[in-house]
Amino acid sequence: MLSVVDILEAVIEKEKGSARVYETAIDKVRDPASRTMLEQIVGDERAYLKMLEELKTTGLVDFCPLKVEDPKISEPVEFRDITESSMVGDVLTFSAQRERLAAYAYSAVACDVSDPVVRRLFEFLSQEKLKHKHHIEDLYNELVYTGD
């Protein structure tokens, strides 16, 4: 059975890959606002990576996962990649969808493991991804959605 540290190392590698997706997208898009938004998302991903690295040494001491409700704003009609013509709304939708998929994957793993410590870890990871998704959706509502 994998240890919590082994799991965190695998999650960290996956998150580094996600950060690289956003970093690569920065070079693709032409719209300055989209580039700025992607740079902010990369910063958020780096902060998340730092928190995961710290968890490897501190563990989940006194951890009580918050229950984050998912209003499912970013449920995809179709999953689109970021292209050179992507605008802020496209970038935020892409990012929210990636966070949603990661949250669901972590939640599914949490349901399938018997070790309570590992289950708590995956519940925590899922909730963190949902929090990030909500942040992105709030940005979408603030910057893109006009309510018309």
Protein backbone atom coordinates (compact mmCIF):
# COMPACT_ATOMS: atom_id res chain seq x y z
CA MET A 1 0.00 0.00 0.00
CA LEU A 2 1.23 3.48 -0.80
CA SER A 3 2.07 5.82 2.06
CA VAL A 4 0.58 9.30 2.39
CA VAL A 5 3.94 10.75 1.33
CA ASP A 6 3.97 8.51 -1.78
CA ILE A 7 0.47 9.67 -2.65
CA LEU A 8 1.37 13.32 -2.10
CA GLU A 9 4.43 12.95 -4.32
CA ALA A 10 2.25 11.53 -7.10
CA VAL A 11 -0.31 14.32 -6.63
CA ILE A 12 2.49 16.91 -6.69
CA GLU A 13 3.75 15.57 -10.02
CA LYS A 14 0.21 15.71 -11.44
CA GLU A 15 -0.18 19.30 -10.21
CA LYS A 16 3.16 20.27 -11.73
CA GLY A 17 1.77 19.00 -15.02
CA SER A 18 -1.32 21.16 -14.56
CA ALA A 19 0.85 24.20 -13.90
CA ARG A 20 2.77 23.44 -17.10
CA VAL A 21 -0.50 23.33 -19.06
CA TYR A 22 -1.31 26.86 -17.90
CA GLU A 23 2.27 28.07 -18.44
CA THR A 24 2.18 26.74 -22.01
CA ALA A 25 -1.20 28.37 -22.56
CA ILE A 26 0.27 31.77 -21.61
CA ASP A 27 2.44 31.58 -24.70
CA LYS A 28 -0.53 30.57 -26.87
CA VAL A 29 -3.07 33.30 -26.17
CA ARG A 30 -2.89 36.74 -27.72
CA ASP A 31 -5.40 38.53 -25.50
CA PRO A 32 -3.50 40.43 -22.75
CA ALA A 33 -6.29 39.93 -20.19
CA SER A 34 -6.26 36.19 -20.86
CA ARG A 35 -2.49 36.10 -20.41
CA THR A 36 -2.83 37.95 -17.10
CA MET A 37 -5.55 35.55 -15.95
CA LEU A 38 -3.40 32.54 -16.85
CA GLU A 39 -0.46 34.04 -14.94
CA GLN A 40 -2.73 34.39 -11.89
CA ILE A 41 -3.86 30.77 -12.25
CA VAL A 42 -0.22 29.64 -12.49
CA GLY A 43 0.45 31.55 -9.26
CA ASP A 44 -2.50 29.78 -7.61
CA GLU A 45 -1.17 26.41 -8.80
CA ARG A 46 2.29 27.19 -7.39
CA ALA A 47 0.76 28.14 -4.02
CA TYR A 48 -1.17 24.85 -4.04
CA LEU A 49 2.04 22.95 -4.84
CA LYS A 50 3.77 24.63 -1.90
CA MET A 51 0.92 23.61 0.40
CA LEU A 52 1.15 20.01 -0.83
CA GLU A 53 4.92 20.00 -0.23
CA GLU A 54 4.32 21.23 3.32
CA LEU A 55 1.75 18.47 3.88
CA LYS A 56 4.49 15.90 3.22
CA THR A 57 6.24 17.01 6.41
CA THR A 58 3.35 18.21 8.57
CA GLY A 59 0.78 15.61 7.61
CA LEU A 60 -2.93 16.16 8.15
CA VAL A 61 -2.64 17.14 11.81
CA ASP A 62 -5.93 18.46 13.19
CA PHE A 63 -7.37 18.35 9.71
CA CYS A 64 -11.09 18.69 9.31
CA PRO A 65 -12.10 19.04 5.66
CA LEU A 66 -14.62 21.73 4.90
CA LYS A 67 -17.58 20.62 2.88
CA VAL A 68 -17.55 22.70 -0.29
CA GLU A 69 -20.81 22.62 -2.22
CA ASP A 70 -20.49 22.42 -5.98
CA PRO A 71 -23.02 24.55 -7.87
CA LYS A 72 -21.72 22.94 -11.09
CA ILE A 73 -21.43 26.23 -12.97
CA SER A 74 -18.61 24.90 -15.13
CA GLU A 75 -20.22 21.62 -16.12
CA PRO A 76 -18.97 21.30 -19.67
CA VAL A 77 -21.12 21.25 -22.71
CA GLU A 78 -17.87 20.51 -24.50
CA PHE A 79 -14.34 20.62 -23.17
CA ARG A 80 -12.30 23.05 -25.25
CA ASP A 81 -8.57 23.54 -25.17
CA ILE A 82 -6.89 26.93 -24.92
CA THR A 83 -5.91 28.35 -28.29
CA GLU A 84 -4.28 31.54 -29.49
CA SER A 85 -7.73 33.12 -29.88
CA SER A 86 -8.91 32.20 -26.36
CA MET A 87 -10.37 35.05 -24.37
CA VAL A 88 -10.68 35.43 -20.58
CA GLY A 89 -13.97 33.52 -20.47
CA ASP A 90 -12.44 30.62 -22.39
CA VAL A 91 -9.42 30.52 -20.07
CA LEU A 92 -11.58 30.57 -16.95
CA THR A 93 -13.97 27.92 -18.27
CA PHE A 94 -11.04 25.67 -19.23
CA SER A 95 -9.46 26.14 -15.79
CA ALA A 96 -12.69 25.54 -13.88
CA GLN A 97 -13.36 22.36 -15.85
CA ARG A 98 -9.86 21.02 -15.08
CA GLU A 99 -10.36 21.75 -11.37
CA ARG A 100 -13.76 20.05 -11.42
CA LEU A 101 -12.35 16.91 -13.03
CA ALA A 102 -9.52 16.76 -10.48
CA ALA A 103 -11.96 17.22 -7.58
CA TYR A 104 -14.16 14.41 -8.84
CA ALA A 105 -11.17 12.12 -9.37
CA TYR A 106 -9.87 12.72 -5.83
CA SER A 107 -13.37 12.22 -4.43
CA ALA A 108 -13.73 8.91 -6.28
CA VAL A 109 -10.43 7.68 -4.87
CA ALA A 110 -11.50 8.73 -1.37
CA CYS A 111 -14.59 6.55 -1.71
CA ASP A 112 -12.51 3.54 -2.77
CA VAL A 113 -9.83 3.46 -0.08
CA SER A 114 -10.16 1.79 3.27
CA ASP A 115 -7.29 3.51 5.11
CA PRO A 116 -8.88 6.44 7.02
CA VAL A 117 -5.75 8.61 6.77
CA VAL A 118 -5.52 8.14 3.01
CA ARG A 119 -9.27 8.74 2.69
CA ARG A 120 -8.92 12.02 4.62
CA LEU A 121 -6.06 13.04 2.34
CA PHE A 122 -8.11 12.51 -0.81
CA GLU A 123 -11.14 14.22 0.72
CA PHE A 124 -8.88 17.17 1.51
CA LEU A 125 -7.45 17.23 -2.02
CA SER A 126 -10.95 17.11 -3.51
CA GLN A 127 -12.14 19.98 -1.34
CA GLU A 128 -9.09 22.07 -2.23
CA LYS A 129 -9.79 21.56 -5.93
CA LEU A 130 -13.44 22.54 -5.45
CA LYS A 131 -12.35 25.69 -3.59
CA HIS A 132 -10.06 26.60 -6.47
CA LYS A 133 -12.84 25.88 -8.98
CA HIS A 134 -15.19 28.16 -7.03
CA HIS A 135 -12.58 30.92 -7.06
CA ILE A 136 -12.26 30.61 -10.83
CA GLU A 137 -16.04 30.62 -11.25
CA ASP A 138 -16.29 33.74 -9.08
CA LEU A 139 -13.73 35.41 -11.36
CA TYR A 140 -15.80 34.33 -14.36
CA ASN A 141 -18.92 35.87 -12.86
CA GLU A 142 -17.04 39.06 -12.04
CA LEU A 143 -15.13 39.47 -15.30
CA VAL A 144 -17.17 37.74 -17.99
CA TYR A 145 -20.79 37.12 -17.04
CA THR A 146 -22.91 40.24 -17.44
CA GLY A 147 -26.28 38.77 -16.55
CA ASP A 148 -27.84 39.76 -19.87
